[in-house]
Amino acid sequence: MKNSTGTIPSPVELNEIISRGPIVVFDALCVMCSTNAQFILRHDHQRRFRLASMQDGVGAALYRRSGIDPHDPETMILVDREQVLRNSDAVLAIYAGLGWPWRIAGLLRVVPRFIRDPLYRVIARNRHWLFGRHETCWLPDPADRDRLI
C-alpha cells in the first residue's frame, strides 16, 4: 500500500501496512542510507524487506510510533510486526535476513550492544557530513518501486 500522497496513515492503515512484513525505515536524503537501501533491494532475493523513507508519511508515522522524531532521527529502524529494532540491532537483523553470505554479519551480535550502539550512533549523527546528502529523496528503480511504501 503506497501512500502516494505523503500523508500520515491512520492507525488502522499503519497496522495493515505493518502486518504485511518487515519494513526498513531510512533517511532517503542521506547518501549512505540510500546506498544501504539499494544494497538491501539488490541482495534481498526473497523480497522480504520493504522500504519506507522517513521523509514520507508511512516512514514518519513509524518513527513517531517508535518514539523517534522523524525530523531528527538518531537511527534507522526495522519494523517487523510488533517488534521494532533500532541502531546496530536493526542493521544486523537486516543483513541476517538477506541470506548467505550477508547473514554472517549476524555474528557481530556477540559484540555487546554497549560497544556496537555508540559507534552506530556516532556514524548516524554525522551521516550527512561523512557521506553527503542528496538534494531530493532517492527512489528505487521501477522494478523495485512496489517495495517502497
C-alpha atoms as a PDB file:
ATOM      1  CA  MET A   1       0.000   0.000   0.000  1.00  0.00           C
ATOM      2  CA  LYS A   2       1.850   3.065  -1.242  1.00  0.00           C
ATOM      3  CA  ASN A   3       0.897   6.215   0.473  1.00  0.00           C
ATOM      4  CA  SER A   4       1.477   8.297  -2.629  1.00  0.00           C
ATOM      5  CA  THR A   5       0.084  11.464  -1.090  1.00  0.00           C
ATOM      6  CA  GLY A   6       2.742  11.505   1.608  1.00  0.00           C
ATOM      7  CA  THR A   7       0.023  11.876   4.222  1.00  0.00           C
ATOM      8  CA  ILE A   8       0.256  10.221   7.592  1.00  0.00           C
ATOM      9  CA  PRO A   9      -1.732   6.964   7.558  1.00  0.00           C
ATOM     10  CA  SER A  10      -4.386   6.322  10.184  1.00  0.00           C
ATOM     11  CA  PRO A  11      -3.510   3.875  12.987  1.00  0.00           C
ATOM     12  CA  VAL A  12      -5.642   1.212  11.261  1.00  0.00           C
ATOM     13  CA  GLU A  13      -3.879   1.776   7.916  1.00  0.00           C
ATOM     14  CA  LEU A  14      -0.486   1.715   9.633  1.00  0.00           C
ATOM     15  CA  ASN A  15      -1.296  -1.592  11.348  1.00  0.00           C
ATOM     16  CA  GLU A  16      -2.346  -3.030   7.975  1.00  0.00           C
ATOM     17  CA  ILE A  17       0.930  -1.906   6.384  1.00  0.00           C
ATOM     18  CA  ILE A  18       2.961  -3.350   9.273  1.00  0.00           C
ATOM     19  CA  SER A  19       1.117  -6.685   9.100  1.00  0.00           C
ATOM     20  CA  ARG A  20       2.483  -7.331   5.607  1.00  0.00           C
ATOM     21  CA  GLY A  21       6.052  -7.913   6.766  1.00  0.00           C
ATOM     22  CA  PRO A  22       9.334  -6.219   7.668  1.00  0.00           C
ATOM     23  CA  ILE A  23       9.838  -2.535   6.872  1.00  0.00           C
ATOM     24  CA  VAL A  24      13.167  -0.712   6.896  1.00  0.00           C
ATOM     25  CA  VAL A  25      12.689   2.994   7.660  1.00  0.00           C
ATOM     26  CA  PHE A  26      15.617   5.085   6.453  1.00  0.00           C
ATOM     27  CA  ASP A  27      16.702   8.608   5.509  1.00  0.00           C
ATOM     28  CA  ALA A  28      16.242   8.861   1.726  1.00  0.00           C
ATOM     29  CA  LEU A  29      18.233  12.107   1.612  1.00  0.00           C
ATOM     30  CA  CYS A  30      21.312  10.515   3.193  1.00  0.00           C
ATOM     31  CA  VAL A  31      23.769   9.146   0.619  1.00  0.00           C
ATOM     32  CA  MET A  32      24.908   6.308   2.916  1.00  0.00           C
ATOM     33  CA  CYS A  33      21.334   5.379   3.900  1.00  0.00           C
ATOM     34  CA  SER A  34      20.166   5.386   0.280  1.00  0.00           C
ATOM     35  CA  THR A  35      23.133   3.263  -0.741  1.00  0.00           C
ATOM     36  CA  ASN A  36      22.253   0.808   2.024  1.00  0.00           C
ATOM     37  CA  ALA A  37      18.621   0.760   0.806  1.00  0.00           C
ATOM     38  CA  GLN A  38      19.837  -0.034  -2.713  1.00  0.00           C
ATOM     39  CA  PHE A  39      22.027  -2.803  -1.291  1.00  0.00           C
ATOM     40  CA  ILE A  40      19.027  -4.287   0.508  1.00  0.00           C
ATOM     41  CA  LEU A  41      16.922  -4.258  -2.667  1.00  0.00           C
ATOM     42  CA  ARG A  42      19.732  -5.787  -4.723  1.00  0.00           C
ATOM     43  CA  HIS A  43      20.503  -8.612  -2.275  1.00  0.00           C
ATOM     44  CA  ASP A  44      17.066  -9.377  -0.847  1.00  0.00           C
ATOM     45  CA  HIS A  45      16.306 -12.114  -3.374  1.00  0.00           C
ATOM     46  CA  GLN A  46      13.286 -13.309  -1.388  1.00  0.00           C
ATOM     47  CA  ARG A  47      11.870  -9.752  -1.479  1.00  0.00           C
ATOM     48  CA  ARG A  48      11.349  -9.948   2.271  1.00  0.00           C
ATOM     49  CA  PHE A  49      12.019  -6.311   3.151  1.00  0.00           C
ATOM     50  CA  ARG A  50      10.076  -3.231   2.157  1.00  0.00           C
ATOM     51  CA  LEU A  51      11.429   0.294   2.493  1.00  0.00           C
ATOM     52  CA  ALA A  52       9.867   3.450   3.876  1.00  0.00           C
ATOM     53  CA  SER A  53      11.511   6.837   3.734  1.00  0.00           C
ATOM     54  CA  MET A  54      11.414   8.864   6.927  1.00  0.00           C
ATOM     55  CA  GLN A  55      10.522  11.807   4.686  1.00  0.00           C
ATOM     56  CA  ASP A  56       7.228  10.180   3.637  1.00  0.00           C
ATOM     57  CA  GLY A  57       4.030   9.672   5.609  1.00  0.00           C
ATOM     58  CA  VAL A  58       4.431   5.975   6.431  1.00  0.00           C
ATOM     59  CA  GLY A  59       8.072   6.267   7.466  1.00  0.00           C
ATOM     60  CA  ALA A  60       7.387   9.346   9.584  1.00  0.00           C
ATOM     61  CA  ALA A  61       4.431   7.590  11.253  1.00  0.00           C
ATOM     62  CA  LEU A  62       6.544   4.525  12.030  1.00  0.00           C
ATOM     63  CA  TYR A  63       9.227   6.734  13.573  1.00  0.00           C
ATOM     64  CA  ARG A  64       6.682   8.588  15.689  1.00  0.00           C
ATOM     65  CA  ARG A  65       5.082   5.305  16.768  1.00  0.00           C
ATOM     66  CA  SER A  66       8.563   4.215  17.905  1.00  0.00           C
ATOM     67  CA  GLY A  67       9.159   7.430  19.856  1.00  0.00           C
ATOM     68  CA  ILE A  68      11.588   8.905  17.311  1.00  0.00           C
ATOM     69  CA  ASP A  69      11.325  12.417  15.869  1.00  0.00           C
ATOM     70  CA  PRO A  70      11.329  11.928  12.062  1.00  0.00           C
ATOM     71  CA  HIS A  71      12.871  15.389  11.648  1.00  0.00           C
ATOM     72  CA  ASP A  72      15.837  14.493  13.861  1.00  0.00           C
ATOM     73  CA  PRO A  73      16.228  10.710  13.870  1.00  0.00           C
ATOM     74  CA  GLU A  74      19.128   9.127  15.656  1.00  0.00           C
ATOM     75  CA  THR A  75      18.648   5.756  13.984  1.00  0.00           C
ATOM     76  CA  MET A  76      17.129   3.773  11.181  1.00  0.00           C
ATOM     77  CA  ILE A  77      14.584   1.202  12.310  1.00  0.00           C
ATOM     78  CA  LEU A  78      13.406  -2.227  11.274  1.00  0.00           C
ATOM     79  CA  VAL A  79       9.713  -2.766  11.990  1.00  0.00           C
ATOM     80  CA  ASP A  80       8.764  -6.431  11.917  1.00  0.00           C
ATOM     81  CA  ARG A  81       5.184  -6.832  13.102  1.00  0.00           C
ATOM     82  CA  GLU A  82       5.195  -5.644  16.734  1.00  0.00           C
ATOM     83  CA  GLN A  83       8.991  -5.740  17.071  1.00  0.00           C
ATOM     84  CA  VAL A  84      10.975  -2.571  16.391  1.00  0.00           C
ATOM     85  CA  LEU A  85      14.741  -2.830  16.159  1.00  0.00           C
ATOM     86  CA  ARG A  86      16.996   0.201  16.087  1.00  0.00           C
ATOM     87  CA  ASN A  87      20.680   1.075  15.968  1.00  0.00           C
ATOM     88  CA  SER A  88      23.076  -1.821  15.369  1.00  0.00           C
ATOM     89  CA  ASP A  89      20.378  -4.420  16.152  1.00  0.00           C
ATOM     90  CA  ALA A  90      18.393  -3.221  13.122  1.00  0.00           C
ATOM     91  CA  VAL A  91      21.409  -3.335  10.809  1.00  0.00           C
ATOM     92  CA  LEU A  92      22.427  -6.819  11.947  1.00  0.00           C
ATOM     93  CA  ALA A  93      18.872  -8.152  11.628  1.00  0.00           C
ATOM     94  CA  ILE A  94      18.556  -6.767   8.110  1.00  0.00           C
ATOM     95  CA  TYR A  95      21.819  -8.295   6.966  1.00  0.00           C
ATOM     96  CA  ALA A  96      20.939 -11.615   8.621  1.00  0.00           C
ATOM     97  CA  GLY A  97      17.639 -11.521   6.731  1.00  0.00           C
ATOM     98  CA  LEU A  98      19.356 -11.128   3.375  1.00  0.00           C
ATOM     99  CA  GLY A  99      20.675 -14.682   3.453  1.00  0.00           C
ATOM    100  CA  TRP A 100      24.112 -16.000   2.648  1.00  0.00           C
ATOM    101  CA  PRO A 101      26.766 -14.520   2.624  1.00  0.00           C
ATOM    102  CA  TRP A 102      25.363 -11.355   4.245  1.00  0.00           C
ATOM    103  CA  ARG A 103      23.862 -13.189   7.196  1.00  0.00           C
ATOM    104  CA  ILE A 104      27.382 -13.765   8.503  1.00  0.00           C
ATOM    105  CA  ALA A 105      27.200 -10.142   9.735  1.00  0.00           C
ATOM    106  CA  GLY A 106      24.853 -11.510  12.398  1.00  0.00           C
ATOM    107  CA  LEU A 107      27.914 -12.892  14.133  1.00  0.00           C
ATOM    108  CA  LEU A 108      28.627  -9.327  15.233  1.00  0.00           C
ATOM    109  CA  ARG A 109      25.842  -9.776  17.777  1.00  0.00           C
ATOM    110  CA  VAL A 110      28.494 -11.333  20.019  1.00  0.00           C
ATOM    111  CA  VAL A 111      29.906  -7.819  20.351  1.00  0.00           C
ATOM    112  CA  PRO A 112      27.984  -6.287  23.248  1.00  0.00           C
ATOM    113  CA  ARG A 113      25.393  -3.672  22.357  1.00  0.00           C
ATOM    114  CA  PHE A 114      27.069  -1.140  24.671  1.00  0.00           C
ATOM    115  CA  ILE A 115      30.033  -1.255  22.269  1.00  0.00           C
ATOM    116  CA  ARG A 116      28.121  -1.533  18.953  1.00  0.00           C
ATOM    117  CA  ASP A 117      25.488   1.139  19.536  1.00  0.00           C
ATOM    118  CA  PRO A 118      27.716   4.104  20.463  1.00  0.00           C
ATOM    119  CA  LEU A 119      29.726   3.529  17.274  1.00  0.00           C
ATOM    120  CA  TYR A 120      26.492   3.272  15.285  1.00  0.00           C
ATOM    121  CA  ARG A 121      25.159   6.498  16.826  1.00  0.00           C
ATOM    122  CA  VAL A 122      28.347   8.459  16.058  1.00  0.00           C
ATOM    123  CA  ILE A 123      28.072   7.479  12.409  1.00  0.00           C
ATOM    124  CA  ALA A 124      24.293   8.093  12.326  1.00  0.00           C
ATOM    125  CA  ARG A 125      24.582  11.574  13.864  1.00  0.00           C
ATOM    126  CA  ASN A 126      27.298  12.560  11.383  1.00  0.00           C
ATOM    127  CA  ARG A 127      25.999  10.696   8.322  1.00  0.00           C
ATOM    128  CA  HIS A 128      25.360  13.769   6.178  1.00  0.00           C
ATOM    129  CA  TRP A 129      28.743  15.269   6.999  1.00  0.00           C
ATOM    130  CA  LEU A 130      30.584  11.961   6.444  1.00  0.00           C
ATOM    131  CA  PHE A 131      28.772  10.640   3.362  1.00  0.00           C
ATOM    132  CA  GLY A 132      26.814  13.538   1.886  1.00  0.00           C
ATOM    133  CA  ARG A 133      23.204  14.464   1.368  1.00  0.00           C
ATOM    134  CA  HIS A 134      21.019  14.219  -1.752  1.00  0.00           C
ATOM    135  CA  GLU A 135      19.061  17.288  -2.826  1.00  0.00           C
ATOM    136  CA  THR A 136      15.982  15.119  -3.402  1.00  0.00           C
ATOM    137  CA  CYS A 137      14.906  11.773  -1.984  1.00  0.00           C
ATOM    138  CA  TRP A 138      16.342   8.685  -3.619  1.00  0.00           C
ATOM    139  CA  LEU A 139      13.822   6.499  -5.450  1.00  0.00           C
ATOM    140  CA  PRO A 140      14.323   2.854  -6.436  1.00  0.00           C
ATOM    141  CA  ASP A 141      14.321   1.524  -9.988  1.00  0.00           C
ATOM    142  CA  PRO A 142      10.858   0.857 -11.440  1.00  0.00           C
ATOM    143  CA  ALA A 143      11.273  -2.902 -10.872  1.00  0.00           C
ATOM    144  CA  ASP A 144      11.536  -2.281  -7.118  1.00  0.00           C
ATOM    145  CA  ARG A 145       9.044   0.577  -6.701  1.00  0.00           C
ATOM    146  CA  ASP A 146       6.468  -1.824  -5.261  1.00  0.00           C
ATOM    147  CA  ARG A 147       8.802  -2.344  -2.302  1.00  0.00           C
ATOM    148  CA  LEU A 148       8.790   1.343  -1.358  1.00  0.00           C
ATOM    149  CA  ILE A 149       5.852   2.243   0.853  1.00  0.00           C
END
